[in-house]
Amino acid sequence: LAERWGTVGELRAEMAGDGEGQTTLADWLTLREPLDAASRSVTLTRAVVESLPRDRPLKILDLGCGTGSNARYLANHLPGAHDWLLVDKDPSVLALAPHAT
């Protein structure tokens, strides 16, 4: 992963920016989402999905959802209908979360 995304120091330098603007939590979450996605286990995702009920819509609660990266990732892996409740204490990142999945 370091070859693709750089070192932690390089990530921190990118987050520090040029000193003109301030980095927000939304900026940080957007920047790290590709690394988070690359770190996810497809094998684990499939195993969990296989254990989910298929006879009713899924109801999913994502606490501390940030910008909704879990919803974006899992939406394509989940069977049938699913309803999400995304919760985050920071309204600025919650506003960037998907409104419908």
Protein backbone atom coordinates (compact mmCIF):
# COMPACT_ATOMS: atom_id res chain seq x y z
CA LEU A 1 0.00 0.00 0.00
CA ALA A 2 2.85 2.38 0.73
CA GLU A 3 3.97 2.18 -2.90
CA ARG A 4 0.55 3.26 -4.08
CA TRP A 5 -0.37 5.79 -1.38
CA GLY A 6 2.97 6.93 0.00
CA THR A 7 4.16 7.01 3.56
CA VAL A 8 2.34 8.30 6.59
CA GLY A 9 4.69 11.31 6.52
CA GLU A 10 3.73 12.06 2.91
CA LEU A 11 0.06 11.75 3.79
CA ARG A 12 0.53 14.14 6.72
CA ALA A 13 2.36 16.62 4.47
CA GLU A 14 -0.47 16.49 1.96
CA MET A 15 -2.99 17.04 4.73
CA ALA A 16 -1.00 20.01 6.04
CA GLY A 17 -1.53 21.71 2.70
CA ASP A 18 0.20 24.91 1.73
CA GLY A 19 -0.61 26.80 4.90
CA GLU A 20 -3.26 28.94 3.19
CA GLY A 21 -6.27 26.85 4.07
CA GLN A 22 -7.22 24.63 6.91
CA THR A 23 -7.80 20.95 6.38
CA THR A 24 -11.24 19.81 7.48
CA LEU A 25 -12.38 16.43 8.72
CA ALA A 26 -14.22 15.98 5.42
CA ASP A 27 -10.94 16.64 3.54
CA TRP A 28 -9.16 14.04 5.66
CA LEU A 29 -11.88 11.42 5.20
CA THR A 30 -11.99 12.03 1.45
CA LEU A 31 -8.21 11.73 1.20
CA ARG A 32 -8.05 8.48 3.16
CA GLU A 33 -11.10 6.76 1.60
CA PRO A 34 -9.14 5.14 -1.27
CA LEU A 35 -6.64 3.70 1.22
CA ASP A 36 -9.46 2.47 3.44
CA ALA A 37 -11.12 0.84 0.43
CA ALA A 38 -7.87 -0.85 -0.60
CA SER A 39 -7.49 -2.17 2.96
CA ARG A 40 -10.91 -3.84 3.10
CA SER A 41 -11.13 -7.61 3.04
CA VAL A 42 -13.35 -8.85 0.23
CA THR A 43 -13.21 -12.34 1.78
CA LEU A 44 -14.49 -11.04 5.11
CA THR A 45 -17.14 -8.92 3.38
CA ARG A 46 -18.44 -11.95 1.49
CA ALA A 47 -18.48 -14.09 4.64
CA VAL A 48 -20.50 -11.50 6.54
CA VAL A 49 -22.90 -10.95 3.63
CA GLU A 50 -23.49 -14.71 3.36
CA SER A 51 -24.65 -14.75 6.99
CA LEU A 52 -27.23 -11.97 6.54
CA PRO A 53 -30.95 -12.73 6.25
CA ARG A 54 -32.37 -12.63 2.75
CA ASP A 55 -36.07 -12.80 3.62
CA ARG A 56 -36.45 -9.13 4.60
CA PRO A 57 -34.84 -5.77 3.93
CA LEU A 58 -31.69 -5.12 5.93
CA LYS A 59 -31.69 -2.25 8.41
CA ILE A 60 -28.16 -0.95 8.97
CA LEU A 61 -26.99 1.55 11.57
CA ASP A 62 -23.60 3.17 10.90
CA LEU A 63 -22.43 5.08 13.96
CA GLY A 64 -19.64 7.56 13.29
CA CYS A 65 -20.31 7.21 9.56
CA GLY A 66 -18.24 10.22 8.50
CA THR A 67 -18.88 10.82 4.81
CA GLY A 68 -20.50 7.40 4.37
CA SER A 69 -17.61 5.33 3.03
CA ASN A 70 -18.99 2.13 4.60
CA ALA A 71 -22.35 2.69 2.92
CA ARG A 72 -20.67 3.34 -0.44
CA TYR A 73 -18.54 0.21 -0.11
CA LEU A 74 -21.17 -2.18 1.21
CA ALA A 75 -24.13 -1.06 -0.92
CA ASN A 76 -22.87 -3.05 -3.91
CA HIS A 77 -22.18 -6.15 -1.83
CA LEU A 78 -25.45 -6.43 0.08
CA PRO A 79 -28.33 -8.58 -1.15
CA GLY A 80 -31.78 -7.19 -1.78
CA ALA A 81 -33.18 -4.09 -0.18
CA HIS A 82 -31.35 -2.31 2.60
CA ASP A 83 -32.09 0.81 4.60
CA TRP A 84 -29.30 2.76 6.26
CA LEU A 85 -29.31 5.13 9.21
CA LEU A 86 -26.10 7.13 9.08
CA VAL A 87 -25.12 8.90 12.30
CA ASP A 88 -22.22 11.27 12.91
CA LYS A 89 -21.75 14.06 15.43
CA ASP A 90 -20.18 16.30 12.76
CA PRO A 91 -22.90 17.69 10.47
CA SER A 92 -20.32 18.85 7.90
CA VAL A 93 -19.24 15.28 7.12
CA LEU A 94 -22.73 13.84 7.47
CA ALA A 95 -23.87 16.27 4.77
CA LEU A 96 -21.47 14.51 2.36
CA ALA A 97 -22.81 11.04 3.11
CA PRO A 98 -25.04 9.35 0.54
CA HIS A 99 -28.71 10.21 0.93
CA ALA A 100 -29.92 6.96 -0.61
CA THR A 101 -28.21 3.64 -1.16
